[in-house]
Amino acid sequence: MRKLAIGIAASGALALTGLVAPAASAADSPDLVFSAVTVNSGKAVVVGTAATVKVPVTYTLTRPSDLTVDYKTTFAGILLYRGTLSRMANEIDPEDAPTCTTTATTDTTVTESCKETLALDPENLYSASDATTWKAAGLYSKIDQDDDDSDGHIHLGYDYDAWGPLGSGVQIKRAARLTVNASPEPVKKGGTITVTGKLTRANWETGTYTGYTTQKATLQFRAKSATSYTTVKTVTSGTGGALKTTTKATKDGYYRYVFAGTTTTGSATAAGDYIDVR
């Protein structure tokens, strides 16, 4: 069992705000079963440098029929973490109480289908090490009153028990950006077009986008009258994420770069840049 510091606003919504010191071992943990845990519909979560990303989570909770979870004095839900349950390197807690619907009951158990939202703020991603697969864990807590409400929140401490890892977890990736510029314009048919661009990705430590080097980006072309792009060639990003190549002018149309992404970084597609061929 560990202890979190949380704040409950006047509206009653939960905001879990960080891991504190471990509490005593929970020999009296309730008999809970978290199953069918799915984070973000099984897709990677891509996070930039500013906007908080809302991550949906669905799961099934089976609890003893005599155990009440009221989300005022007790709480059950899913969190994400890196590391181990006993020594988390980082964690993401539920933003609000989940919405649960009872799907089955027996003399001894209640089974519920639950939905919750995790709020992934870039400020809570501390380094490139957070761009990895996070594990999911079920948690159950009993809240203990603490201190005052001088800042508009009732600050509470609560001990929680966690079960995990559950399901396949989720991959958290750094957002990428991609630009393109084709020149000169206009260009004579058969002439040389130079296509430049830049591949950058979110740096959570600095809150900026920085160059992503030695990565493959695909140069694509779409004729003015066409509806889809075709691949021209593959280009490798250089210093500062710079992209540069040349191609022959054949017809009016749009050039763009496409980056497929990596295990740590999301995909990106530049908006097409139009070239007038005369």
C-alpha atoms as a PDB file:
ATOM      1  CA  MET A   1       0.000   0.000   0.000  1.00  0.00           C
ATOM      2  CA  ARG A   2       1.249   3.465  -0.859  1.00  0.00           C
ATOM      3  CA  LYS A   3       0.027   6.955  -0.134  1.00  0.00           C
ATOM      4  CA  LEU A   4      -0.969   9.572  -2.690  1.00  0.00           C
ATOM      5  CA  ALA A   5      -1.586  13.292  -2.222  1.00  0.00           C
ATOM      6  CA  ILE A   6      -4.871  14.258  -3.878  1.00  0.00           C
ATOM      7  CA  GLY A   7      -7.151  17.266  -4.034  1.00  0.00           C
ATOM      8  CA  ILE A   8     -10.940  17.128  -4.108  1.00  0.00           C
ATOM      9  CA  ALA A   9     -12.447  20.318  -5.498  1.00  0.00           C
ATOM     10  CA  ALA A  10     -15.649  21.821  -4.140  1.00  0.00           C
ATOM     11  CA  SER A  11     -17.518  20.146  -7.007  1.00  0.00           C
ATOM     12  CA  GLY A  12     -16.442  16.774  -5.692  1.00  0.00           C
ATOM     13  CA  ALA A  13     -14.367  15.801  -8.764  1.00  0.00           C
ATOM     14  CA  LEU A  14     -11.197  13.892  -8.016  1.00  0.00           C
ATOM     15  CA  ALA A  15      -7.793  15.145  -9.086  1.00  0.00           C
ATOM     16  CA  LEU A  16      -4.985  12.787  -8.146  1.00  0.00           C
ATOM     17  CA  THR A  17      -1.782  14.743  -8.033  1.00  0.00           C
ATOM     18  CA  GLY A  18       1.235  12.690  -7.128  1.00  0.00           C
ATOM     19  CA  LEU A  19       2.924   9.835  -5.399  1.00  0.00           C
ATOM     20  CA  VAL A  20       4.151  10.394  -1.853  1.00  0.00           C
ATOM     21  CA  ALA A  21       5.795   8.045   0.643  1.00  0.00           C
ATOM     22  CA  PRO A  22       4.933   4.349   0.895  1.00  0.00           C
ATOM     23  CA  ALA A  23       2.487   3.429   3.625  1.00  0.00           C
ATOM     24  CA  ALA A  24       2.248   0.171   5.542  1.00  0.00           C
ATOM     25  CA  SER A  25       1.634  -3.139   3.800  1.00  0.00           C
ATOM     26  CA  ALA A  26      -2.028  -3.806   3.107  1.00  0.00           C
ATOM     27  CA  ALA A  27      -2.836  -7.148   4.669  1.00  0.00           C
ATOM     28  CA  ASP A  28      -6.514  -6.190   4.650  1.00  0.00           C
ATOM     29  CA  SER A  29      -6.740  -5.396   0.914  1.00  0.00           C
ATOM     30  CA  PRO A  30     -10.223  -5.916  -0.514  1.00  0.00           C
ATOM     31  CA  ASP A  31     -10.744  -8.768  -2.959  1.00  0.00           C
ATOM     32  CA  LEU A  32     -10.963  -6.798  -6.220  1.00  0.00           C
ATOM     33  CA  VAL A  33     -10.479  -8.094  -9.752  1.00  0.00           C
ATOM     34  CA  PHE A  34      -9.687  -5.672 -12.581  1.00  0.00           C
ATOM     35  CA  SER A  35      -9.957  -7.243 -16.039  1.00  0.00           C
ATOM     36  CA  ALA A  36     -10.388  -6.383 -19.746  1.00  0.00           C
ATOM     37  CA  VAL A  37      -8.332  -3.212 -19.230  1.00  0.00           C
ATOM     38  CA  THR A  38      -8.008  -1.225 -22.461  1.00  0.00           C
ATOM     39  CA  VAL A  39      -6.165   2.095 -22.604  1.00  0.00           C
ATOM     40  CA  ASN A  40      -6.831   4.516 -25.495  1.00  0.00           C
ATOM     41  CA  SER A  41      -8.553   1.751 -27.492  1.00  0.00           C
ATOM     42  CA  GLY A  42      -5.199  -0.019 -27.740  1.00  0.00           C
ATOM     43  CA  LYS A  43      -3.570   2.834 -29.681  1.00  0.00           C
ATOM     44  CA  ALA A  44      -0.420   4.765 -28.783  1.00  0.00           C
ATOM     45  CA  VAL A  45      -0.852   8.107 -27.012  1.00  0.00           C
ATOM     46  CA  VAL A  46       1.028  10.947 -28.731  1.00  0.00           C
ATOM     47  CA  VAL A  47       1.866  13.958 -26.561  1.00  0.00           C
ATOM     48  CA  GLY A  48       3.245  17.340 -27.587  1.00  0.00           C
ATOM     49  CA  THR A  49       4.626  20.122 -25.408  1.00  0.00           C
ATOM     50  CA  ALA A  50       1.537  22.102 -24.379  1.00  0.00           C
ATOM     51  CA  ALA A  51      -1.887  20.471 -24.671  1.00  0.00           C
ATOM     52  CA  THR A  52      -3.115  17.954 -22.116  1.00  0.00           C
ATOM     53  CA  VAL A  53      -4.163  14.713 -23.817  1.00  0.00           C
ATOM     54  CA  LYS A  54      -7.302  12.974 -22.576  1.00  0.00           C
ATOM     55  CA  VAL A  55      -6.806   9.201 -22.531  1.00  0.00           C
ATOM     56  CA  PRO A  56      -9.923   6.970 -22.287  1.00  0.00           C
ATOM     57  CA  VAL A  57      -9.719   3.773 -20.271  1.00  0.00           C
ATOM     58  CA  THR A  58     -12.264   0.957 -20.104  1.00  0.00           C
ATOM     59  CA  TYR A  59     -12.209  -2.036 -17.780  1.00  0.00           C
ATOM     60  CA  THR A  60     -14.269  -4.518 -15.807  1.00  0.00           C
ATOM     61  CA  LEU A  61     -14.266  -4.399 -12.004  1.00  0.00           C
ATOM     62  CA  THR A  62     -15.493  -7.285  -9.870  1.00  0.00           C
ATOM     63  CA  ARG A  63     -15.807  -6.489  -6.169  1.00  0.00           C
ATOM     64  CA  PRO A  64     -17.324  -8.082  -3.062  1.00  0.00           C
ATOM     65  CA  SER A  65     -21.029  -7.281  -2.839  1.00  0.00           C
ATOM     66  CA  ASP A  66     -20.566  -5.920   0.681  1.00  0.00           C
ATOM     67  CA  LEU A  67     -17.817  -3.475  -0.408  1.00  0.00           C
ATOM     68  CA  THR A  68     -19.069   0.026  -1.218  1.00  0.00           C
ATOM     69  CA  VAL A  69     -17.047   2.292  -3.508  1.00  0.00           C
ATOM     70  CA  ASP A  70     -18.612   5.747  -3.188  1.00  0.00           C
ATOM     71  CA  TYR A  71     -15.765   7.891  -4.649  1.00  0.00           C
ATOM     72  CA  LYS A  72     -15.987  10.167  -1.624  1.00  0.00           C
ATOM     73  CA  THR A  73     -14.366   8.109   1.094  1.00  0.00           C
ATOM     74  CA  THR A  74     -13.297   5.218  -1.132  1.00  0.00           C
ATOM     75  CA  PHE A  75     -12.005   5.104  -4.696  1.00  0.00           C
ATOM     76  CA  ALA A  76     -11.312   2.434  -7.323  1.00  0.00           C
ATOM     77  CA  GLY A  77      -9.858   2.959 -10.773  1.00  0.00           C
ATOM     78  CA  ILE A  78      -6.935   2.517 -13.150  1.00  0.00           C
ATOM     79  CA  LEU A  79      -3.575   4.302 -13.157  1.00  0.00           C
ATOM     80  CA  LEU A  80      -0.602   4.113 -15.530  1.00  0.00           C
ATOM     81  CA  TYR A  81       2.965   3.762 -14.330  1.00  0.00           C
ATOM     82  CA  ARG A  82       6.563   3.182 -15.346  1.00  0.00           C
ATOM     83  CA  GLY A  83       8.858   0.979 -13.332  1.00  0.00           C
ATOM     84  CA  THR A  84       7.327  -1.350 -10.755  1.00  0.00           C
ATOM     85  CA  LEU A  85       4.379  -0.979  -8.403  1.00  0.00           C
ATOM     86  CA  SER A  86       6.761  -0.918  -5.448  1.00  0.00           C
ATOM     87  CA  ARG A  87       9.020   1.677  -7.076  1.00  0.00           C
ATOM     88  CA  MET A  88       7.263   3.752  -9.722  1.00  0.00           C
ATOM     89  CA  ALA A  89       9.488   5.876 -11.975  1.00  0.00           C
ATOM     90  CA  ASN A  90       6.461   7.946 -13.012  1.00  0.00           C
ATOM     91  CA  GLU A  91       2.665   7.631 -12.825  1.00  0.00           C
ATOM     92  CA  ILE A  92      -0.530   9.020 -14.315  1.00  0.00           C
ATOM     93  CA  ASP A  93      -3.599   8.985 -12.102  1.00  0.00           C
ATOM     94  CA  PRO A  94      -7.330   9.230 -12.874  1.00  0.00           C
ATOM     95  CA  GLU A  95      -8.601  12.768 -13.485  1.00  0.00           C
ATOM     96  CA  ASP A  96     -12.139  12.045 -12.266  1.00  0.00           C
ATOM     97  CA  ALA A  97     -14.151   9.251 -10.756  1.00  0.00           C
ATOM     98  CA  PRO A  98     -14.987   6.569 -13.350  1.00  0.00           C
ATOM     99  CA  THR A  99     -18.471   5.874 -14.646  1.00  0.00           C
ATOM    100  CA  CYS A 100     -19.488   2.301 -13.831  1.00  0.00           C
ATOM    101  CA  THR A 101     -22.533   0.258 -14.769  1.00  0.00           C
ATOM    102  CA  THR A 102     -23.431  -2.971 -12.996  1.00  0.00           C
ATOM    103  CA  THR A 103     -23.471  -5.872 -15.441  1.00  0.00           C
ATOM    104  CA  ALA A 104     -23.783  -8.892 -13.131  1.00  0.00           C
ATOM    105  CA  THR A 105     -24.377  -9.794  -9.494  1.00  0.00           C
ATOM    106  CA  THR A 106     -24.097 -12.900  -7.358  1.00  0.00           C
ATOM    107  CA  ASP A 107     -24.608 -13.523  -3.661  1.00  0.00           C
ATOM    108  CA  THR A 108     -21.005 -12.504  -3.039  1.00  0.00           C
ATOM    109  CA  THR A 109     -19.845 -10.275  -5.927  1.00  0.00           C
ATOM    110  CA  VAL A 110     -20.804  -7.323  -8.099  1.00  0.00           C
ATOM    111  CA  THR A 111     -19.352  -6.926 -11.598  1.00  0.00           C
ATOM    112  CA  GLU A 112     -19.224  -3.483 -13.211  1.00  0.00           C
ATOM    113  CA  SER A 113     -18.262  -2.172 -16.633  1.00  0.00           C
ATOM    114  CA  CYS A 114     -16.286   1.052 -16.086  1.00  0.00           C
ATOM    115  CA  LYS A 115     -15.000   4.005 -18.090  1.00  0.00           C
ATOM    116  CA  GLU A 116     -12.557   6.671 -16.904  1.00  0.00           C
ATOM    117  CA  THR A 117     -10.303   9.359 -18.323  1.00  0.00           C
ATOM    118  CA  LEU A 118      -6.613   9.880 -17.626  1.00  0.00           C
ATOM    119  CA  ALA A 119      -5.266  13.391 -18.224  1.00  0.00           C
ATOM    120  CA  LEU A 120      -1.767  13.274 -19.695  1.00  0.00           C
ATOM    121  CA  ASP A 121      -0.134  16.669 -19.137  1.00  0.00           C
ATOM    122  CA  PRO A 122       3.256  17.147 -20.874  1.00  0.00           C
ATOM    123  CA  GLU A 123       4.516  18.811 -17.677  1.00  0.00           C
ATOM    124  CA  ASN A 124       4.200  15.439 -15.954  1.00  0.00           C
ATOM    125  CA  LEU A 125       6.434  13.767 -18.552  1.00  0.00           C
ATOM    126  CA  TYR A 126       9.874  14.476 -17.229  1.00  0.00           C
ATOM    127  CA  SER A 127      12.278  13.079 -19.813  1.00  0.00           C
ATOM    128  CA  ALA A 128      12.713  11.050 -22.982  1.00  0.00           C
ATOM    129  CA  SER A 129      12.528   7.945 -20.775  1.00  0.00           C
ATOM    130  CA  ASP A 130       8.777   8.522 -20.516  1.00  0.00           C
ATOM    131  CA  ALA A 131       8.445   7.758 -24.245  1.00  0.00           C
ATOM    132  CA  THR A 132       7.960   4.040 -23.716  1.00  0.00           C
ATOM    133  CA  THR A 133       5.324   1.451 -22.854  1.00  0.00           C
ATOM    134  CA  TRP A 134       3.512   2.233 -19.595  1.00  0.00           C
ATOM    135  CA  LYS A 135       1.804  -0.430 -17.528  1.00  0.00           C
ATOM    136  CA  ALA A 136      -1.738  -0.248 -16.170  1.00  0.00           C
ATOM    137  CA  ALA A 137      -2.660  -1.031 -12.569  1.00  0.00           C
ATOM    138  CA  GLY A 138      -5.926  -1.183 -10.682  1.00  0.00           C
ATOM    139  CA  LEU A 139      -6.095   0.846  -7.487  1.00  0.00           C
ATOM    140  CA  TYR A 140      -8.332   0.950  -4.440  1.00  0.00           C
ATOM    141  CA  SER A 141      -8.042   3.661  -1.811  1.00  0.00           C
ATOM    142  CA  LYS A 142      -9.516   4.811   1.457  1.00  0.00           C
ATOM    143  CA  ILE A 143      -9.310   8.558   1.900  1.00  0.00           C
ATOM    144  CA  ASP A 144      -8.081  10.243   5.087  1.00  0.00           C
ATOM    145  CA  GLN A 145      -8.855  13.884   5.928  1.00  0.00           C
ATOM    146  CA  ASP A 146      -5.832  16.180   6.021  1.00  0.00           C
ATOM    147  CA  ASP A 147      -5.013  19.863   6.647  1.00  0.00           C
ATOM    148  CA  ASP A 148      -7.281  22.715   5.523  1.00  0.00           C
ATOM    149  CA  ASP A 149      -8.964  24.149   2.451  1.00  0.00           C
ATOM    150  CA  SER A 150      -7.241  27.548   2.429  1.00  0.00           C
ATOM    151  CA  ASP A 151      -6.458  27.321  -1.311  1.00  0.00           C
ATOM    152  CA  GLY A 152      -9.984  26.291  -2.291  1.00  0.00           C
ATOM    153  CA  HIS A 153      -9.321  22.554  -2.208  1.00  0.00           C
ATOM    154  CA  ILE A 154      -9.740  20.054   0.565  1.00  0.00           C
ATOM    155  CA  HIS A 155      -6.388  18.306   0.646  1.00  0.00           C
ATOM    156  CA  LEU A 156      -6.553  14.677   1.601  1.00  0.00           C
ATOM    157  CA  GLY A 157      -4.080  11.894   1.970  1.00  0.00           C
ATOM    158  CA  TYR A 158      -5.081   8.383   1.147  1.00  0.00           C
ATOM    159  CA  ASP A 159      -3.526   4.984   1.228  1.00  0.00           C
ATOM    160  CA  TYR A 160      -4.009   2.807  -1.802  1.00  0.00           C
ATOM    161  CA  ASP A 161      -3.552  -0.779  -2.804  1.00  0.00           C
ATOM    162  CA  ALA A 162      -2.620  -1.532  -6.417  1.00  0.00           C
ATOM    163  CA  TRP A 163      -3.024  -4.573  -8.648  1.00  0.00           C
ATOM    164  CA  GLY A 164      -0.965  -4.880 -11.811  1.00  0.00           C
ATOM    165  CA  PRO A 165       0.299  -4.916 -14.415  1.00  0.00           C
ATOM    166  CA  LEU A 166      -3.063  -5.275 -16.179  1.00  0.00           C
ATOM    167  CA  GLY A 167      -3.720  -5.644 -19.891  1.00  0.00           C
ATOM    168  CA  SER A 168      -1.116  -4.567 -22.428  1.00  0.00           C
ATOM    169  CA  GLY A 169      -0.616  -1.068 -21.040  1.00  0.00           C
ATOM    170  CA  VAL A 170      -0.066   1.740 -23.529  1.00  0.00           C
ATOM    171  CA  GLN A 171       2.752   3.255 -25.580  1.00  0.00           C
ATOM    172  CA  ILE A 172       3.330   6.957 -24.905  1.00  0.00           C
ATOM    173  CA  LYS A 173       5.109   8.771 -27.734  1.00  0.00           C
ATOM    174  CA  ARG A 174       6.592  12.192 -28.402  1.00  0.00           C
ATOM    175  CA  ALA A 175       4.671  14.236 -30.988  1.00  0.00           C
ATOM    176  CA  ALA A 176       6.474  15.011 -34.264  1.00  0.00           C
ATOM    177  CA  ARG A 177       6.227  17.953 -36.646  1.00  0.00           C
ATOM    178  CA  LEU A 178       7.206  18.094 -40.304  1.00  0.00           C
ATOM    179  CA  THR A 179       7.577  20.976 -42.773  1.00  0.00           C
ATOM    180  CA  VAL A 180       8.193  21.144 -46.538  1.00  0.00           C
ATOM    181  CA  ASN A 181       9.187  23.762 -49.088  1.00  0.00           C
ATOM    182  CA  ALA A 182       9.568  23.109 -52.835  1.00  0.00           C
ATOM    183  CA  SER A 183      11.394  25.665 -54.973  1.00  0.00           C
ATOM    184  CA  PRO A 184      11.893  27.485 -57.274  1.00  0.00           C
ATOM    185  CA  GLU A 185       8.409  28.495 -58.326  1.00  0.00           C
ATOM    186  CA  PRO A 186       7.456  28.695 -61.054  1.00  0.00           C
ATOM    187  CA  VAL A 187       9.825  26.133 -62.552  1.00  0.00           C
ATOM    188  CA  LYS A 188      10.442  25.152 -66.143  1.00  0.00           C
ATOM    189  CA  LYS A 189       9.309  21.665 -67.125  1.00  0.00           C
ATOM    190  CA  GLY A 190      12.276  19.314 -66.823  1.00  0.00           C
ATOM    191  CA  GLY A 191      14.003  21.698 -64.445  1.00  0.00           C
ATOM    192  CA  THR A 192      15.332  20.796 -60.998  1.00  0.00           C
ATOM    193  CA  ILE A 193      13.143  21.217 -57.943  1.00  0.00           C
ATOM    194  CA  THR A 194      14.776  21.394 -54.513  1.00  0.00           C
ATOM    195  CA  VAL A 195      12.548  20.115 -51.712  1.00  0.00           C
ATOM    196  CA  THR A 196      13.587  21.052 -48.190  1.00  0.00           C
ATOM    197  CA  GLY A 197      11.932  20.467 -44.848  1.00  0.00           C
ATOM    198  CA  LYS A 198      12.511  19.841 -41.164  1.00  0.00           C
ATOM    199  CA  LEU A 199      11.560  16.990 -38.836  1.00  0.00           C
ATOM    200  CA  THR A 200      11.228  17.891 -35.156  1.00  0.00           C
ATOM    201  CA  ARG A 201       9.729  16.208 -32.113  1.00  0.00           C
ATOM    202  CA  ALA A 202       8.540  17.199 -28.660  1.00  0.00           C
ATOM    203  CA  ASN A 203      11.202  17.650 -25.992  1.00  0.00           C
ATOM    204  CA  TRP A 204       9.283  17.332 -22.716  1.00  0.00           C
ATOM    205  CA  GLU A 205      12.209  18.543 -20.625  1.00  0.00           C
ATOM    206  CA  THR A 206      12.432  21.915 -22.399  1.00  0.00           C
ATOM    207  CA  GLY A 207       8.832  22.259 -23.604  1.00  0.00           C
ATOM    208  CA  THR A 208      10.020  22.811 -27.201  1.00  0.00           C
ATOM    209  CA  TYR A 209      10.290  20.898 -30.471  1.00  0.00           C
ATOM    210  CA  THR A 210      13.849  19.918 -31.394  1.00  0.00           C
ATOM    211  CA  GLY A 211      15.408  18.351 -34.487  1.00  0.00           C
ATOM    212  CA  TYR A 212      15.047  14.606 -34.989  1.00  0.00           C
ATOM    213  CA  THR A 213      18.128  13.398 -36.850  1.00  0.00           C
ATOM    214  CA  THR A 214      18.984  10.258 -38.890  1.00  0.00           C
ATOM    215  CA  GLN A 215      15.315   9.465 -39.536  1.00  0.00           C
ATOM    216  CA  LYS A 216      13.717   8.343 -42.793  1.00  0.00           C
ATOM    217  CA  ALA A 217      11.083  10.602 -44.350  1.00  0.00           C
ATOM    218  CA  THR A 218       9.282   9.871 -47.610  1.00  0.00           C
ATOM    219  CA  LEU A 219       8.989  12.550 -50.284  1.00  0.00           C
ATOM    220  CA  GLN A 220       5.620  12.272 -52.030  1.00  0.00           C
ATOM    221  CA  PHE A 221       4.007  14.043 -54.996  1.00  0.00           C
ATOM    222  CA  ARG A 222       0.378  14.609 -55.987  1.00  0.00           C
ATOM    223  CA  ALA A 223      -0.409  15.974 -59.439  1.00  0.00           C
ATOM    224  CA  LYS A 224      -2.795  18.929 -59.523  1.00  0.00           C
ATOM    225  CA  SER A 225      -5.556  16.792 -61.044  1.00  0.00           C
ATOM    226  CA  ALA A 226      -4.933  13.722 -58.843  1.00  0.00           C
ATOM    227  CA  THR A 227      -6.543  12.750 -55.541  1.00  0.00           C
ATOM    228  CA  SER A 228      -3.695  10.764 -53.974  1.00  0.00           C
ATOM    229  CA  TYR A 229       0.056  11.030 -53.421  1.00  0.00           C
ATOM    230  CA  THR A 230       2.740   8.736 -54.834  1.00  0.00           C
ATOM    231  CA  THR A 231       6.195   8.141 -53.379  1.00  0.00           C
ATOM    232  CA  VAL A 232       9.131   9.853 -55.083  1.00  0.00           C
ATOM    233  CA  LYS A 233      12.045   8.863 -52.824  1.00  0.00           C
ATOM    234  CA  THR A 234      13.186   8.459 -49.219  1.00  0.00           C
ATOM    235  CA  VAL A 235      15.286  11.126 -47.500  1.00  0.00           C
ATOM    236  CA  THR A 236      17.233  10.922 -44.215  1.00  0.00           C
ATOM    237  CA  SER A 237      17.075  13.851 -41.792  1.00  0.00           C
ATOM    238  CA  GLY A 238      20.361  15.574 -41.011  1.00  0.00           C
ATOM    239  CA  THR A 239      21.543  18.165 -38.519  1.00  0.00           C
ATOM    240  CA  GLY A 240      18.642  19.710 -36.635  1.00  0.00           C
ATOM    241  CA  GLY A 241      16.241  17.380 -38.444  1.00  0.00           C
ATOM    242  CA  ALA A 242      16.877  19.035 -41.825  1.00  0.00           C
ATOM    243  CA  LEU A 243      15.562  17.341 -44.967  1.00  0.00           C
ATOM    244  CA  LYS A 244      16.778  18.159 -48.470  1.00  0.00           C
ATOM    245  CA  THR A 245      16.629  16.495 -51.884  1.00  0.00           C
ATOM    246  CA  THR A 246      16.073  17.295 -55.558  1.00  0.00           C
ATOM    247  CA  THR A 247      13.711  15.973 -58.217  1.00  0.00           C
ATOM    248  CA  LYS A 248      12.742  16.828 -61.799  1.00  0.00           C
ATOM    249  CA  ALA A 249       9.758  19.050 -62.577  1.00  0.00           C
ATOM    250  CA  THR A 250       7.197  17.176 -64.678  1.00  0.00           C
ATOM    251  CA  LYS A 251       3.788  18.702 -63.963  1.00  0.00           C
ATOM    252  CA  ASP A 252       1.912  21.043 -61.628  1.00  0.00           C
ATOM    253  CA  GLY A 253       1.311  19.544 -58.227  1.00  0.00           C
ATOM    254  CA  TYR A 254       2.076  19.240 -54.547  1.00  0.00           C
ATOM    255  CA  TYR A 255       5.129  17.902 -52.714  1.00  0.00           C
ATOM    256  CA  ARG A 256       5.119  16.762 -49.129  1.00  0.00           C
ATOM    257  CA  TYR A 257       7.231  14.810 -46.629  1.00  0.00           C
ATOM    258  CA  VAL A 258       5.776  11.943 -44.572  1.00  0.00           C
ATOM    259  CA  PHE A 259       7.337  10.492 -41.422  1.00  0.00           C
ATOM    260  CA  ALA A 260       6.018   7.082 -40.350  1.00  0.00           C
ATOM    261  CA  GLY A 261       7.066   7.449 -36.703  1.00  0.00           C
ATOM    262  CA  THR A 262       9.160   5.238 -34.419  1.00  0.00           C
ATOM    263  CA  THR A 263       8.658   3.345 -31.176  1.00  0.00           C
ATOM    264  CA  THR A 264       9.197   6.597 -29.254  1.00  0.00           C
ATOM    265  CA  THR A 265       7.815   9.220 -31.646  1.00  0.00           C
ATOM    266  CA  GLY A 266       4.501   9.680 -33.432  1.00  0.00           C
ATOM    267  CA  SER A 267       4.005  10.011 -37.172  1.00  0.00           C
ATOM    268  CA  ALA A 268       3.817  13.328 -39.029  1.00  0.00           C
ATOM    269  CA  THR A 269       2.770  14.558 -42.466  1.00  0.00           C
ATOM    270  CA  ALA A 270       3.639  17.957 -43.895  1.00  0.00           C
ATOM    271  CA  ALA A 271       1.001  19.956 -45.717  1.00  0.00           C
ATOM    272  CA  GLY A 272       1.579  19.754 -49.478  1.00  0.00           C
ATOM    273  CA  ASP A 273       3.558  22.612 -51.096  1.00  0.00           C
ATOM    274  CA  TYR A 274       2.356  23.527 -54.598  1.00  0.00           C
ATOM    275  CA  ILE A 275       4.722  23.877 -57.560  1.00  0.00           C
ATOM    276  CA  ASP A 276       3.737  25.607 -60.799  1.00  0.00           C
ATOM    277  CA  VAL A 277       5.475  23.907 -63.756  1.00  0.00           C
ATOM    278  CA  ARG A 278       5.626  25.890 -67.004  1.00  0.00           C
END
